[in-house]
Protein backbone atom coordinates (compact mmCIF):
# COMPACT_ATOMS: atom_id res chain seq x y z
CA MET A 1 22.04 -6.88 3.48
CA ALA A 2 25.17 -5.04 2.40
CA LEU A 3 24.81 -1.50 1.13
CA LYS A 4 26.19 -0.45 -2.26
CA LYS A 5 26.92 3.15 -3.19
CA THR A 6 25.40 4.43 -6.43
CA THR A 7 24.70 7.73 -8.17
CA VAL A 8 21.19 8.64 -9.20
CA MET A 9 19.98 11.65 -11.14
CA VAL A 10 16.75 13.17 -9.77
CA ASP A 11 14.67 16.26 -10.47
CA GLU A 12 15.74 19.18 -8.32
CA GLU A 13 12.15 19.63 -7.11
CA TYR A 14 11.99 16.05 -5.79
CA LEU A 15 15.41 16.36 -4.19
CA GLN A 16 14.33 19.51 -2.37
CA ILE A 17 11.20 17.76 -1.09
CA ILE A 18 13.39 14.97 0.32
CA LYS A 19 15.81 17.48 1.86
CA ASP A 20 12.92 19.35 3.50
CA ALA A 21 11.35 16.14 4.83
CA ALA A 22 14.69 14.90 6.19
CA ALA A 23 15.29 18.18 8.01
CA ARG A 24 11.74 18.26 9.34
CA ASP A 25 11.75 14.62 10.50
CA GLY A 26 15.36 14.48 11.68
CA ARG A 27 16.17 11.56 9.36
CA PRO A 28 19.06 11.25 6.92
CA GLU A 29 18.16 11.84 3.27
CA SER A 30 19.68 8.45 2.46
CA GLU A 31 16.89 6.70 4.40
CA TYR A 32 14.29 8.18 2.05
CA PHE A 33 16.24 7.02 -0.99
CA ARG A 34 16.75 3.51 0.41
CA GLU A 35 13.02 3.32 1.11
CA ALA A 36 12.26 4.45 -2.45
CA PHE A 37 14.62 1.81 -3.86
CA ARG A 38 12.97 -0.89 -1.73
CA ILE A 39 9.53 0.09 -3.01
CA ALA A 40 10.74 0.22 -6.63
CA ALA A 41 12.46 -3.17 -6.27
CA LEU A 42 9.32 -4.77 -4.84
CA ARG A 43 7.20 -3.34 -7.65
CA ALA A 44 9.69 -4.56 -10.28
CA ARG A 45 10.02 -8.08 -8.85
CA ARG A 46 8.54 -10.92 -10.86
CA TRP A 47 7.30 -13.89 -8.88
CA SER A 48 7.84 -17.37 -10.27
CA GLY A 49 5.35 -20.18 -9.96
CA ASP A 50 1.65 -20.19 -9.32
CA TRP A 51 0.15 -18.23 -6.48
CA ASP A 52 -1.88 -20.15 -3.94
CA ILE A 53 -4.86 -17.82 -3.85
CA PRO A 54 -8.00 -19.41 -2.46
CA THR A 55 -11.21 -19.18 -4.46
CA LEU A 56 -14.51 -18.31 -2.87
CA GLY A 57 -17.67 -20.15 -3.81
CA PHE A 58 -20.86 -18.13 -3.57
CA GLY A 59 -23.14 -20.82 -4.96
CA GLY A 60 -23.44 -19.11 -8.30
CA PRO A 61 -22.43 -16.03 -10.22
CA VAL A 62 -22.31 -12.71 -8.35
CA THR A 63 -24.03 -9.90 -10.20
CA ASP A 64 -23.53 -6.15 -10.06
CA ASP A 65 -26.87 -5.91 -8.25
CA ASP A 66 -25.67 -8.41 -5.61
CA ILE A 67 -22.58 -6.30 -4.95
CA ARG A 68 -24.56 -3.03 -4.91
CA SER A 69 -27.11 -4.52 -2.50
CA ALA A 70 -24.41 -5.84 -0.15
CA ALA A 71 -22.60 -2.48 -0.18
CA GLU A 72 -25.83 -0.57 0.55
CA GLU A 73 -26.70 -2.97 3.35
CA ALA A 74 -23.25 -2.52 4.92
CA ALA A 75 -23.44 1.28 4.55
CA ASN A 76 -26.86 1.42 6.20
CA ARG A 77 -26.02 -0.99 9.02
CA LYS A 78 -26.37 0.56 12.46
CA TYR A 79 -23.30 0.26 14.64
CA GLY A 80 -23.20 0.95 18.35
CA THR A 81 -20.74 3.37 19.85
CA PRO A 82 -17.51 1.97 21.29
CA GLY A 83 -18.02 0.65 24.78
CA ASP A 84 -21.70 -0.22 24.32
CA ALA A 85 -22.70 -3.70 25.42
CA ALA A 86 -23.48 -5.97 22.52
């Protein structure tokens, strides 16, 4: 993708944070700004058409108590330490 030069006004505090990070990490400041633009562009993008998101069938409605019970069960599950035989 071709790069296009632009001018952007930013708060001095944010600019200093980027300058410090660039010096610390040994990266050009421009990389941070390109990354920020990529993130902003992805957040601003609008997707056309329907999404193909699968639905899950649980055989009936899922209640708050069902979710709470499943979360407690998972939290209380005993896991072996890495390397133990199953």
